[in-house]
Amino acid sequence: MDISASSWLVIVLAVLAANLPFFSERVFGILPWRAAGKPFWLRLVELIVLYFVLGAVAFFIEARQGNRFQQGWEFYAVTACLFLVLAYPGFVLRYLRRRPS
């Protein structure tokens, strides 16, 4: 896989992973939740865990491509903010959209 394809793969996975907690009533899209709806704190925990999972996937793809570059705290702060921005459409559809009454 070339660098361009692997970059697009990580971007598509990031969009899907960021929106999964808001579009699914199952925990991580797999485990059923017993209550009527998932609470907001559980969606945030899912978002944080999926951020680290996606980071591990990107790390392994980068290591497989060749040189793995050292990253400082700035890189992780920017990617965490970007992950939250990618989650915004799911948040809007779950919590801010008006539902017909």
C-alpha atoms as a PDB file:
ATOM      1  CA  MET A   1       0.000   0.000   0.000  1.00  0.00           C
ATOM      2  CA  ASP A   2       1.474   3.360  -0.946  1.00  0.00           C
ATOM      3  CA  ILE A   3       1.657   6.364   1.346  1.00  0.00           C
ATOM      4  CA  SER A   4      -1.311   8.154  -0.211  1.00  0.00           C
ATOM      5  CA  ALA A   5      -3.623   5.154   0.116  1.00  0.00           C
ATOM      6  CA  SER A   6      -2.572   4.511   3.711  1.00  0.00           C
ATOM      7  CA  SER A   7      -3.160   8.179   4.574  1.00  0.00           C
ATOM      8  CA  TRP A   8      -6.670   8.059   3.126  1.00  0.00           C
ATOM      9  CA  LEU A   9      -7.311   4.784   4.943  1.00  0.00           C
ATOM     10  CA  VAL A  10      -6.429   6.401   8.278  1.00  0.00           C
ATOM     11  CA  ILE A  11      -8.617   9.434   7.496  1.00  0.00           C
ATOM     12  CA  VAL A  12     -11.633   7.278   6.578  1.00  0.00           C
ATOM     13  CA  LEU A  13     -11.127   5.117   9.667  1.00  0.00           C
ATOM     14  CA  ALA A  14     -10.912   8.273  11.793  1.00  0.00           C
ATOM     15  CA  VAL A  15     -14.223   9.608  10.454  1.00  0.00           C
ATOM     16  CA  LEU A  16     -15.932   6.272  11.055  1.00  0.00           C
ATOM     17  CA  ALA A  17     -14.418   5.772  14.517  1.00  0.00           C
ATOM     18  CA  ALA A  18     -15.228   9.322  15.629  1.00  0.00           C
ATOM     19  CA  ASN A  19     -18.902   8.989  14.702  1.00  0.00           C
ATOM     20  CA  LEU A  20     -19.479   5.392  15.820  1.00  0.00           C
ATOM     21  CA  PRO A  21     -20.337   6.240  19.467  1.00  0.00           C
ATOM     22  CA  PHE A  22     -23.070   8.634  18.353  1.00  0.00           C
ATOM     23  CA  PHE A  23     -24.677   6.487  15.660  1.00  0.00           C
ATOM     24  CA  SER A  24     -24.802   3.201  17.555  1.00  0.00           C
ATOM     25  CA  GLU A  25     -26.638   2.313  20.745  1.00  0.00           C
ATOM     26  CA  ARG A  26     -24.232  -0.594  21.245  1.00  0.00           C
ATOM     27  CA  VAL A  27     -20.949  -0.192  23.096  1.00  0.00           C
ATOM     28  CA  PHE A  28     -18.197   0.009  20.457  1.00  0.00           C
ATOM     29  CA  GLY A  29     -20.817  -1.051  17.924  1.00  0.00           C
ATOM     30  CA  ILE A  30     -20.657  -4.637  19.230  1.00  0.00           C
ATOM     31  CA  LEU A  31     -21.829  -5.059  22.831  1.00  0.00           C
ATOM     32  CA  PRO A  32     -25.497  -4.368  23.636  1.00  0.00           C
ATOM     33  CA  TRP A  33     -26.293  -1.774  26.304  1.00  0.00           C
ATOM     34  CA  ARG A  34     -28.962  -2.858  28.797  1.00  0.00           C
ATOM     35  CA  ALA A  35     -30.538   0.525  29.506  1.00  0.00           C
ATOM     36  CA  ALA A  36     -32.852   2.391  27.126  1.00  0.00           C
ATOM     37  CA  GLY A  37     -30.050   4.552  25.737  1.00  0.00           C
ATOM     38  CA  LYS A  38     -26.339   4.986  26.210  1.00  0.00           C
ATOM     39  CA  PRO A  39     -25.417   7.807  28.566  1.00  0.00           C
ATOM     40  CA  PHE A  40     -23.242  10.651  27.331  1.00  0.00           C
ATOM     41  CA  TRP A  41     -20.306   9.689  29.565  1.00  0.00           C
ATOM     42  CA  LEU A  42     -20.156   6.245  27.942  1.00  0.00           C
ATOM     43  CA  ARG A  43     -20.076   7.838  24.493  1.00  0.00           C
ATOM     44  CA  LEU A  44     -17.121   9.979  25.623  1.00  0.00           C
ATOM     45  CA  VAL A  45     -15.293   6.920  26.970  1.00  0.00           C
ATOM     46  CA  GLU A  46     -15.877   5.170  23.649  1.00  0.00           C
ATOM     47  CA  LEU A  47     -14.556   8.221  21.807  1.00  0.00           C
ATOM     48  CA  ILE A  48     -11.355   8.255  23.885  1.00  0.00           C
ATOM     49  CA  VAL A  49     -10.765   4.517  23.491  1.00  0.00           C
ATOM     50  CA  LEU A  50     -11.389   4.680  19.738  1.00  0.00           C
ATOM     51  CA  TYR A  51      -8.918   7.583  19.485  1.00  0.00           C
ATOM     52  CA  PHE A  52      -6.192   5.416  21.015  1.00  0.00           C
ATOM     53  CA  VAL A  53      -7.137   2.404  18.887  1.00  0.00           C
ATOM     54  CA  LEU A  54      -6.961   4.507  15.738  1.00  0.00           C
ATOM     55  CA  GLY A  55      -3.633   5.926  16.912  1.00  0.00           C
ATOM     56  CA  ALA A  56      -2.278   2.387  17.285  1.00  0.00           C
ATOM     57  CA  VAL A  57      -3.497   1.464  13.793  1.00  0.00           C
ATOM     58  CA  ALA A  58      -1.859   4.577  12.345  1.00  0.00           C
ATOM     59  CA  PHE A  59       1.337   3.817  14.286  1.00  0.00           C
ATOM     60  CA  PHE A  60       1.546   0.303  12.830  1.00  0.00           C
ATOM     61  CA  ILE A  61       0.794   1.527   9.305  1.00  0.00           C
ATOM     62  CA  GLU A  62       3.516   4.168   9.611  1.00  0.00           C
ATOM     63  CA  ALA A  63       6.001   1.666  11.015  1.00  0.00           C
ATOM     64  CA  ARG A  64       5.228  -0.737   8.172  1.00  0.00           C
ATOM     65  CA  GLN A  65       5.774   2.022   5.582  1.00  0.00           C
ATOM     66  CA  GLY A  66       9.343   2.613   6.742  1.00  0.00           C
ATOM     67  CA  ASN A  67      10.561   5.244   9.158  1.00  0.00           C
ATOM     68  CA  ARG A  68       8.484   5.959  12.200  1.00  0.00           C
ATOM     69  CA  PHE A  69       8.816   9.567  13.292  1.00  0.00           C
ATOM     70  CA  GLN A  70       8.959  10.682  16.906  1.00  0.00           C
ATOM     71  CA  GLN A  71       5.978  12.802  17.961  1.00  0.00           C
ATOM     72  CA  GLY A  72       5.784  15.364  20.736  1.00  0.00           C
ATOM     73  CA  TRP A  73       2.805  16.341  22.849  1.00  0.00           C
ATOM     74  CA  GLU A  74       1.782  18.912  20.234  1.00  0.00           C
ATOM     75  CA  PHE A  75       1.060  16.171  17.715  1.00  0.00           C
ATOM     76  CA  TYR A  76      -1.233  14.326  20.118  1.00  0.00           C
ATOM     77  CA  ALA A  77      -3.023  17.533  21.134  1.00  0.00           C
ATOM     78  CA  VAL A  78      -3.712  18.392  17.487  1.00  0.00           C
ATOM     79  CA  THR A  79      -4.859  14.871  16.557  1.00  0.00           C
ATOM     80  CA  ALA A  80      -7.154  14.698  19.601  1.00  0.00           C
ATOM     81  CA  CYS A  81      -8.748  18.019  18.602  1.00  0.00           C
ATOM     82  CA  LEU A  82      -9.064  16.825  15.008  1.00  0.00           C
ATOM     83  CA  PHE A  83     -10.731  13.623  16.225  1.00  0.00           C
ATOM     84  CA  LEU A  84     -13.253  15.723  18.179  1.00  0.00           C
ATOM     85  CA  VAL A  85     -13.934  17.834  15.094  1.00  0.00           C
ATOM     86  CA  LEU A  86     -14.548  14.672  13.074  1.00  0.00           C
ATOM     87  CA  ALA A  87     -17.030  13.539  15.756  1.00  0.00           C
ATOM     88  CA  TYR A  88     -19.061  16.747  15.476  1.00  0.00           C
ATOM     89  CA  PRO A  89     -21.527  15.525  12.799  1.00  0.00           C
ATOM     90  CA  GLY A  90     -22.463  12.516  14.924  1.00  0.00           C
ATOM     91  CA  PHE A  91     -22.869  14.715  18.010  1.00  0.00           C
ATOM     92  CA  VAL A  92     -25.114  17.128  16.112  1.00  0.00           C
ATOM     93  CA  LEU A  93     -27.310  14.358  14.753  1.00  0.00           C
ATOM     94  CA  ARG A  94     -27.591  12.701  18.185  1.00  0.00           C
ATOM     95  CA  TYR A  95     -28.084  15.685  20.483  1.00  0.00           C
ATOM     96  CA  LEU A  96     -28.759  18.932  18.582  1.00  0.00           C
ATOM     97  CA  ARG A  97     -31.065  17.888  15.749  1.00  0.00           C
ATOM     98  CA  ARG A  98     -34.747  18.561  16.251  1.00  0.00           C
ATOM     99  CA  ARG A  99     -36.829  15.460  16.243  1.00  0.00           C
ATOM    100  CA  PRO A 100     -40.346  15.587  14.821  1.00  0.00           C
ATOM    101  CA  SER A 101     -42.990  15.498  17.540  1.00  0.00           C
END
